Structures are given as C-alpha cells and as structure tokens.
C-alpha cells in the first residue's frame, strides 16, 4: 500500500506520502471469483487492511505475523524474521496476484519462477 500506510511510528518512515495506487474493487472481484476453487493467502504490509478483508471474506487466509520493513531503524529482529517468513510463503506459491506495484512480490516470484499476475 506504500510507506504512507505503514503501521509504525511515522518518525522512522522516510517517504511519508508514498502511497501505491490499487483498485480495491479488483481485489474484491478476484477473491469473490476464486474463493471457492482456490486457497487464497492474502499478504499485505498493513495489518488493518488484512483484517478488514478477512472480516469480509471468511475463507481468505492471512498470517498473524508482525512484519516490518527492513530499512526502518525501528524494525525489530522478530519483524525481520516474520517478513522473511512471508517472503518464503510467497516465493513458494503456485501463483502470485498483485494489486499494486510490489517489489517484494516481484522478487518472490523470481526465486522459483512463480507466475505473477497484475490486478491493475
């Protein structure tokens, strides 16, 4: 979602106005179309947004990991490890669908040549 939406102390965020364009309706459409025939793991750097979608779509799978951005000085070792865990899950997926430009997702797709699809 971009650094603007990070759930951390804003004093540590370098790009406070960085926000990625995404189309929520495309996310909803994808989930509604696929939730009965695919297991969907939804990863996002904004826990509040993950919870919002989980409340809307019961079958959606999310992690409860406290992730952090490795470039921020207030990111803990546990958050770094949790971020690596999510990267591992993503890089071992059958397919990756992205709703905004994400370097995290694109790099994960390259590890095992996981097909990546844009929802924008």
Protein backbone atom coordinates (compact mmCIF):
# COMPACT_ATOMS: atom_id res chain seq x y z
CA UNK A 1 0.00 0.00 0.00
CA UNK A 2 3.03 2.24 0.32
CA UNK A 3 5.00 3.77 3.18
CA UNK A 4 2.18 6.22 3.96
CA UNK A 5 0.11 3.29 5.23
CA UNK A 6 2.78 1.57 7.33
CA UNK A 7 1.59 0.82 10.84
CA UNK A 8 4.69 2.04 12.60
CA UNK A 9 5.99 5.18 14.27
CA UNK A 10 5.95 7.74 11.44
CA UNK A 11 9.20 9.30 12.72
CA UNK A 12 11.02 6.32 11.16
CA UNK A 13 9.29 6.43 7.78
CA UNK A 14 11.35 8.15 5.09
CA UNK A 15 8.68 8.51 2.39
CA UNK A 16 5.71 9.56 4.49
CA UNK A 17 3.49 10.36 1.49
CA UNK A 18 4.38 7.26 -0.59
CA UNK A 19 1.09 5.60 -1.48
CA UNK A 20 0.58 2.95 -4.14
CA UNK A 21 -2.47 3.04 -6.36
CA UNK A 22 -4.59 -0.07 -6.16
CA UNK A 23 -8.13 -0.86 -7.11
CA UNK A 24 -9.97 -2.40 -4.20
CA UNK A 25 -12.82 -3.48 -6.45
CA UNK A 26 -10.37 -5.64 -8.44
CA UNK A 27 -9.22 -7.31 -5.22
CA UNK A 28 -12.85 -7.97 -4.22
CA UNK A 29 -13.66 -9.28 -7.69
CA UNK A 30 -10.69 -11.66 -7.67
CA UNK A 31 -11.49 -13.03 -4.21
CA UNK A 32 -15.19 -13.46 -4.98
CA UNK A 33 -14.45 -15.21 -8.27
CA UNK A 34 -11.82 -17.57 -6.82
CA UNK A 35 -12.56 -18.15 -3.13
CA UNK A 36 -14.47 -21.37 -3.76
CA UNK A 37 -11.92 -23.05 -6.04
CA UNK A 38 -8.57 -21.69 -4.78
CA UNK A 39 -6.92 -21.24 -1.43
CA UNK A 40 -6.11 -17.54 -1.28
CA UNK A 41 -3.35 -16.33 1.02
CA UNK A 42 -3.58 -12.55 1.26
CA UNK A 43 -0.36 -10.78 2.25
CA UNK A 44 -0.14 -7.05 2.87
CA UNK A 45 2.14 -4.76 4.87
CA UNK A 46 -0.92 -3.18 6.50
CA UNK A 47 -2.40 -5.49 9.14
CA UNK A 48 -5.56 -3.40 9.49
CA UNK A 49 -6.34 -3.85 5.81
CA UNK A 50 -5.65 -7.61 6.01
CA UNK A 51 -8.07 -7.88 8.91
CA UNK A 52 -10.69 -5.86 7.04
CA UNK A 53 -10.56 -8.29 4.12
CA UNK A 54 -10.56 -11.33 6.40
CA UNK A 55 -13.72 -10.00 8.08
CA UNK A 56 -15.34 -9.58 4.66
CA UNK A 57 -14.17 -12.94 3.22
CA UNK A 58 -14.15 -15.74 5.79
CA UNK A 59 -12.25 -18.21 3.55
CA UNK A 60 -9.39 -15.77 2.98
CA UNK A 61 -6.15 -16.90 4.59
CA UNK A 62 -3.96 -14.29 6.30
CA UNK A 63 -0.99 -14.51 8.62
CA UNK A 64 -0.92 -13.02 12.09
CA UNK A 65 2.77 -12.18 11.79
CA UNK A 66 4.03 -8.77 12.86
CA UNK A 67 6.05 -7.81 9.81
CA UNK A 68 8.37 -4.85 9.37
CA UNK A 69 10.31 -3.06 6.70
CA UNK A 70 13.97 -3.93 6.96
CA UNK A 71 15.06 -0.42 6.01
CA UNK A 72 13.42 1.23 9.02
CA UNK A 73 15.51 1.73 12.15
CA UNK A 74 12.68 0.73 14.49
CA UNK A 75 12.11 -2.66 12.86
CA UNK A 76 12.79 -5.47 15.33
CA UNK A 77 14.62 -8.71 14.63
CA UNK A 78 11.33 -10.57 15.08
CA UNK A 79 9.66 -8.37 12.45
CA UNK A 80 12.51 -9.01 10.02
CA UNK A 81 12.22 -12.77 10.58
CA UNK A 82 8.44 -12.58 10.10
CA UNK A 83 8.91 -10.64 6.88
CA UNK A 84 11.27 -13.36 5.64
CA UNK A 85 8.61 -15.97 6.54
CA UNK A 86 6.04 -14.15 4.42
CA UNK A 87 8.56 -13.84 1.59
CA UNK A 88 9.13 -17.61 1.81
CA UNK A 89 5.38 -18.29 1.64
CA UNK A 90 5.04 -16.00 -1.35
CA UNK A 91 8.02 -17.46 -3.20
CA UNK A 92 6.57 -20.97 -2.73
CA UNK A 93 3.10 -20.10 -4.00
CA UNK A 94 1.61 -21.59 -7.16
CA UNK A 95 0.80 -18.13 -8.47
CA UNK A 96 1.10 -14.56 -7.25
CA UNK A 97 -1.54 -11.91 -7.89
CA UNK A 98 -0.62 -8.31 -7.13
CA UNK A 99 -2.96 -5.35 -6.74
CA UNK A 100 -0.25 -2.69 -6.90
CA UNK A 101 3.36 -2.49 -7.98
CA UNK A 102 5.26 -4.51 -5.39
CA UNK A 103 8.99 -5.15 -5.50
CA UNK A 104 8.51 -7.63 -2.62
CA UNK A 105 6.12 -9.76 -4.68
CA UNK A 106 8.13 -9.44 -7.88
CA UNK A 107 11.33 -10.62 -6.18
CA UNK A 108 9.48 -13.52 -4.53
CA UNK A 109 8.18 -14.63 -7.92
CA UNK A 110 11.72 -14.81 -9.31
CA UNK A 111 13.04 -17.28 -6.73
CA UNK A 112 11.11 -20.25 -8.10
CA UNK A 113 9.74 -18.71 -11.28
CA UNK A 114 6.27 -18.32 -9.79
CA UNK A 115 3.88 -16.79 -12.34
CA UNK A 116 2.86 -13.28 -11.33
CA UNK A 117 -0.37 -11.59 -12.43
CA UNK A 118 -1.37 -7.95 -12.11
CA UNK A 119 -4.83 -6.97 -10.89
CA UNK A 120 -4.45 -3.42 -12.13
